[in-house]
Protein backbone atom coordinates (compact mmCIF):
# COMPACT_ATOMS: atom_id res chain seq x y z
CA MET A 1 -55.90 50.04 51.59
CA LYS A 2 -55.42 46.95 53.63
CA LEU A 3 -58.19 44.23 54.01
CA HIS A 4 -56.36 41.31 55.63
CA PHE A 5 -55.19 41.87 59.35
CA GLU A 6 -52.06 40.54 60.79
CA ASP A 7 -53.91 39.35 64.21
CA CYS A 8 -56.26 37.62 62.01
CA PRO A 9 -56.87 33.91 63.82
CA TYR A 10 -58.08 32.23 60.86
CA GLY A 11 -55.07 32.98 58.55
CA CYS A 12 -57.09 33.95 55.70
CA ASN A 13 -55.37 35.55 52.83
CA VAL A 14 -54.23 38.97 51.67
CA ASN A 15 -57.65 39.90 50.66
CA GLY A 16 -58.77 38.84 53.79
CA MET A 17 -60.35 35.87 52.43
CA LEU A 18 -60.87 32.29 53.32
CA PHE A 19 -62.26 29.11 50.95
CA ASP A 20 -65.60 27.73 52.53
CA ARG A 21 -65.48 24.30 51.65
CA GLY A 22 -69.63 23.96 51.96
CA LEU A 23 -69.90 26.70 49.54
CA LYS A 24 -67.00 26.18 47.68
CA LYS A 25 -66.05 29.89 47.05
CA MET A 26 -63.86 32.12 48.31
CA VAL A 27 -65.73 34.48 51.35
CA SER A 28 -64.97 37.03 54.27
CA CYS A 29 -62.98 36.24 56.71
CA PRO A 30 -65.32 36.64 59.57
CA HIS A 31 -62.09 38.49 61.83
CA CYS A 32 -61.25 40.75 59.14
CA GLU A 33 -64.62 41.90 57.73
CA SER A 34 -65.29 42.65 61.68
CA ARG A 35 -62.11 45.09 61.87
CA ARG A 36 -62.77 46.24 58.54
CA ARG A 37 -66.71 47.70 59.88
CA GLU A 38 -64.97 48.92 63.03
CA LEU A 39 -62.76 51.11 61.09
CA ALA A 40 -65.12 52.13 58.50
CA SER A 41 -67.63 53.07 61.56
CA GLU A 42 -64.53 55.57 62.93
CA GLY A 43 -64.22 57.04 58.86
CA SER A 44 -61.01 55.65 58.55
CA ILE A 45 -59.13 52.70 57.00
CA GLU A 46 -55.73 51.08 57.87
CA ASP A 47 -53.12 51.11 54.87
CA ASN A 48 -50.22 48.71 53.88
CA GLU A 49 -47.82 50.20 56.21
CA GLY A 50 -50.48 49.86 59.45
CA ASN A 51 -50.89 53.28 59.41
CA GLN A 52 -54.83 54.78 59.39
CA GLN A 53 -56.13 57.13 56.96
CA SER A 54 -59.52 58.94 55.93
CA LEU A 55 -61.83 56.73 54.60
CA HIS A 56 -63.35 59.44 52.79
CA LYS A 57 -60.21 60.72 51.07
CA GLU A 58 -59.22 57.07 50.35
CA LEU A 59 -62.15 56.52 48.39
CA GLY A 60 -62.07 60.05 46.25
CA PHE A 61 -64.85 61.98 48.61
CA SER A 62 -64.21 65.50 49.87
CA ASP A 63 -67.22 65.70 52.13
CA GLU A 64 -65.94 64.19 55.31
CA TYR A 65 -69.41 64.17 56.80
CA LEU A 66 -70.73 61.58 54.04
CA THR A 67 -72.34 58.66 55.77
CA SER A 68 -72.45 54.86 55.06
CA TYR A 69 -76.13 54.87 56.03
CA PHE A 70 -77.98 54.25 52.37
CA SER A 71 -81.27 56.27 51.93
CA PHE A 72 -82.88 56.43 48.07
CA ASP A 73 -84.51 59.68 49.73
CA SER A 74 -81.89 61.28 50.06
CA LEU A 75 -80.37 61.25 46.44
CA ILE A 76 -83.02 63.69 45.31
CA SER A 77 -84.02 66.28 47.24
CA LYS A 78 -87.78 67.39 48.19
CA SER A 79 -87.78 70.71 45.63
CA GLU A 80 -86.71 68.65 42.76
CA ARG A 81 -88.84 66.03 43.00
CA PRO A 82 -91.79 67.53 41.96
CA LEU A 83 -89.97 68.07 38.87
CA LEU A 84 -89.58 64.38 38.05
CA GLU A 85 -91.41 61.40 36.69
CA SER A 86 -92.49 59.77 39.47
CA SER A 87 -92.77 56.23 37.11
CA SER A 88 -89.03 56.54 36.83
CA LEU A 89 -88.09 56.20 40.75
CA GLU A 90 -89.03 52.96 41.65
CA PRO A 91 -86.87 51.34 38.85
CA VAL A 92 -84.08 52.91 39.89
CA GLU A 93 -84.89 52.26 43.51
CA GLU A 94 -84.97 48.29 42.87
CA ALA A 95 -81.89 48.48 40.89
CA ILE A 96 -79.86 50.18 43.78
CA SER A 97 -81.44 47.99 46.07
CA LEU A 98 -79.94 44.11 44.04
CA LEU A 99 -76.68 46.16 43.80
CA ARG A 100 -76.60 46.76 47.03
CA GLY A 101 -77.91 43.26 48.22
CA THR A 102 -75.27 41.98 46.15
CA LEU A 103 -72.11 44.13 47.43
CA SER A 104 -73.26 43.23 50.80
CA ARG A 105 -73.21 39.67 50.20
CA GLY A 106 -69.41 39.92 49.03
CA ASP A 107 -70.32 39.13 45.91
CA LEU A 108 -69.41 40.54 42.17
CA PRO A 109 -72.03 42.54 40.31
CA GLU A 110 -72.34 40.75 37.26
CA LYS A 111 -73.25 42.99 34.77
CA SER A 112 -72.35 47.05 34.71
CA TYR A 113 -74.75 49.90 35.86
CA CYS A 114 -75.11 53.60 34.63
CA PHE A 115 -77.63 55.08 37.35
CA GLY A 116 -78.84 58.81 36.32
CA LEU A 117 -79.93 60.52 39.20
CA ALA A 118 -81.78 63.69 37.38
CA ARG A 119 -80.30 66.85 37.11
CA LYS A 120 -79.68 67.82 40.88
CA GLY A 121 -79.22 64.47 42.17
CA SER A 122 -76.64 63.79 44.94
CA VAL A 123 -74.04 60.91 42.75
CA ASP A 124 -72.13 61.22 45.93
CA LYS A 125 -74.46 59.82 48.39
CA LEU A 126 -74.89 56.87 46.28
CA ALA A 127 -71.76 55.98 45.40
CA PHE A 128 -70.11 56.17 48.85
CA PRO A 129 -72.55 54.01 50.99
CA LEU A 130 -71.65 51.50 47.98
CA LEU A 131 -68.12 51.50 48.10
CA VAL A 132 -68.29 51.16 52.10
CA SER A 133 -70.09 48.48 51.43
CA ALA A 134 -68.22 46.80 49.04
CA TYR A 135 -65.02 47.57 51.17
CA GLU A 136 -66.21 45.93 54.29
CA LYS A 137 -67.05 42.80 52.46
CA GLY A 138 -63.15 42.54 51.18
CA GLY A 139 -63.67 43.73 48.01
CA LYS A 140 -60.79 45.58 46.39
CA VAL A 141 -61.96 48.83 45.61
CA GLY A 142 -60.51 52.75 44.67
CA LYS A 143 -61.54 56.18 44.34
CA PHE A 144 -63.96 57.48 42.99
CA ILE A 145 -63.10 59.09 39.73
CA SER A 146 -64.76 61.42 37.16
CA SER A 147 -64.71 60.73 33.49
CA ARG A 148 -63.32 64.13 32.83
CA MET A 149 -60.49 63.29 35.74
CA TYR A 150 -59.83 59.92 33.81
CA TYR A 151 -59.81 61.04 30.42
CA SER A 152 -57.34 63.40 31.48
CA LEU A 153 -55.05 60.90 32.99
CA TYR A 154 -54.81 59.19 29.53
CA MET A 155 -53.85 61.59 27.77
CA LYS A 156 -51.13 62.22 30.10
CA ASP A 157 -50.02 58.63 29.34
CA LYS A 158 -50.60 57.88 33.27
CA ASP A 159 -50.12 54.14 34.41
CA LEU A 160 -53.85 53.32 34.55
CA GLN A 161 -53.45 49.47 35.55
CA GLU A 162 -54.99 50.52 39.41
CA TYR A 163 -58.72 51.41 37.55
CA TYR A 164 -58.07 48.01 35.72
CA ASP A 165 -57.01 45.67 38.75
CA LEU A 166 -60.27 46.99 41.18
CA ASP A 167 -62.93 44.48 41.73
CA ILE A 168 -65.51 48.04 42.30
CA LEU A 169 -65.28 50.74 40.24
CA PHE A 170 -67.58 53.95 40.44
CA ILE A 171 -67.04 56.38 37.98
CA LEU A 172 -68.81 60.04 38.03
CA VAL A 173 -69.92 61.13 34.15
CA ASN A 174 -69.63 64.58 34.61
CA SER A 175 -72.15 66.90 32.92
CA GLY A 176 -70.85 68.03 29.22
CA SER A 177 -68.40 65.19 28.79
CA SER A 178 -67.33 65.01 25.37
CA TYR A 179 -67.39 62.36 22.88
CA ARG A 180 -64.05 61.35 23.33
CA GLU A 181 -64.47 61.19 27.33
CA LEU A 182 -67.24 59.44 26.93
CA MET A 183 -65.43 56.83 24.54
CA CYS A 184 -62.23 57.01 26.60
CA ILE A 185 -64.42 55.56 30.02
CA ARG A 186 -66.54 53.15 27.74
CA GLY A 187 -63.35 51.44 26.44
CA LEU A 188 -61.86 51.04 30.56
CA MET A 189 -65.28 49.10 30.88
CA GLU A 190 -64.82 46.67 27.87
CA ALA A 191 -61.26 46.33 29.62
CA ARG A 192 -62.39 45.80 32.82
CA ALA A 193 -65.24 43.34 31.39
CA VAL A 194 -62.73 41.13 29.56
CA CYS A 195 -61.30 40.11 33.32
CA GLY A 196 -65.49 39.46 34.22
CA LYS A 197 -65.68 43.13 36.39
CA ALA A 198 -68.23 45.47 36.41
CA THR A 199 -68.28 48.99 35.97
CA ILE A 200 -70.34 51.31 37.68
CA PHE A 201 -71.65 54.71 36.47
CA VAL A 202 -73.46 57.46 38.36
CA THR A 203 -74.71 60.81 36.51
CA ASN A 204 -76.80 63.92 36.37
CA ASN A 205 -76.85 63.80 32.88
CA ASP A 206 -79.82 63.05 30.40
CA ILE A 207 -79.92 59.38 29.23
CA ASP A 208 -79.38 60.79 25.59
CA GLU A 209 -76.06 62.80 26.58
CA VAL A 210 -74.64 58.95 27.69
CA LEU A 211 -75.54 56.78 24.99
CA LEU A 212 -72.33 55.72 24.11
CA LEU A 213 -72.14 53.82 26.55
CA LEU A 214 -75.34 51.96 27.35
CA GLY A 215 -76.75 48.84 26.36
CA SER A 216 -80.08 47.00 28.07
CA VAL A 217 -81.42 46.39 30.74
CA GLU A 218 -83.60 43.47 29.01
CA GLU A 219 -79.98 42.21 28.08
CA PRO A 220 -77.33 42.77 31.01
CA SER A 221 -73.63 42.88 30.31
CA LEU A 222 -70.59 43.87 31.39
CA TYR A 223 -69.27 45.78 28.05
CA LEU A 224 -72.13 47.70 28.39
CA ALA A 225 -73.87 49.49 31.21
CA SER A 226 -77.70 48.67 31.88
CA PRO A 227 -79.30 52.02 32.18
CA TYR A 228 -81.58 52.99 35.30
CA PHE A 229 -82.05 56.56 34.99
CA ILE A 230 -84.45 59.29 37.10
CA GLU A 231 -86.08 60.96 34.66
CA ARG A 232 -87.39 64.69 34.53
CA SER A 233 -91.18 65.50 33.93
CA LYS A 234 -92.39 65.51 30.12
CA THR A 235 -93.22 68.85 28.14
CA ALA A 236 -93.73 69.06 24.69
CA ASN A 237 -90.01 69.62 24.27
CA SER A 238 -88.95 67.24 26.44
CA HIS A 239 -85.67 65.39 25.26
CA SER A 240 -85.16 62.63 27.62
CA TYR A 241 -87.13 59.73 28.42
CA ALA A 242 -87.91 57.46 30.59
CA SER A 243 -88.81 54.32 29.14
CA ASP A 244 -89.73 52.86 25.02
CA ALA A 245 -93.60 53.72 26.03
CA LEU A 246 -92.72 57.50 26.17
CA ARG A 247 -90.94 57.12 23.33
CA GLY A 248 -93.72 57.56 20.24
CA ASN A 249 -93.99 56.37 16.73
CA ASN A 250 -90.20 57.44 16.24
CA TYR A 251 -88.69 54.37 18.65
CA SER A 252 -86.21 52.11 17.02
CA PRO A 253 -86.72 48.73 18.78
CA ASP A 254 -83.62 47.63 17.06
CA LEU A 255 -81.44 50.88 18.19
CA GLY A 256 -83.14 51.19 21.06
CA ILE A 257 -83.21 55.23 20.50
CA SER A 258 -85.16 57.49 18.35
CA MET A 259 -84.09 59.04 14.76
CA GLU A 260 -84.40 61.99 16.45
CA ASP A 261 -81.68 61.08 19.13
CA MET A 262 -79.45 60.08 15.98
CA GLN A 263 -79.10 63.09 14.90
CA ASP A 264 -77.60 64.88 17.69
CA ILE A 265 -75.11 62.11 18.24
């Protein structure tokens, strides 16, 4: 998708960026950014040949009615909220707000993220607005891809270079993802990390099911994703967890998980 437009009076580069001598860094060209915002508001983008295409399809979303307006309350339905740990909502909302702020400034995240939106959260209503925000500010973005689709492309020996080159990559971690699928997208995250690029995962899995991707909130990293999960209410037999305080006496500070969890990996 085109980031620079030929009628730009500022002579920005092909990525729609200018060098700001005061800030001593590249910033989004005001003319081209305004044009991208205008196109996005119409649900369109301009491809490299100058033709307008569907913004939703170019970003990998089939629902043409998805809006770029972000609302945290829209991620979880009202009927689902009574089943959730209310204390787990605020940390997730704060992390999303921080990431949105980073993208809206035209900056790249300094760590990888994994957002767990409980069993029935709307992952598309999180990924789409953030991708649009990054595109408007001149970020090189691509399609929202699932872990299963990426693994399928990998197994077919397809050219995957585009996923390494993107400034911002959002991946849906499918429910029931296998060990091989998780290790495949972890390898993608690691390859991107070498180039200084973050990977953003969103999922409806419980945190226990995606441990292979996760690092720690206290130790931000591009190589492992910081986990921010909305958790279901705890029961006597509940397996998922919201924080270390809920892990009980079996929690291992060295491993970050309990011995019961280790038996399931």
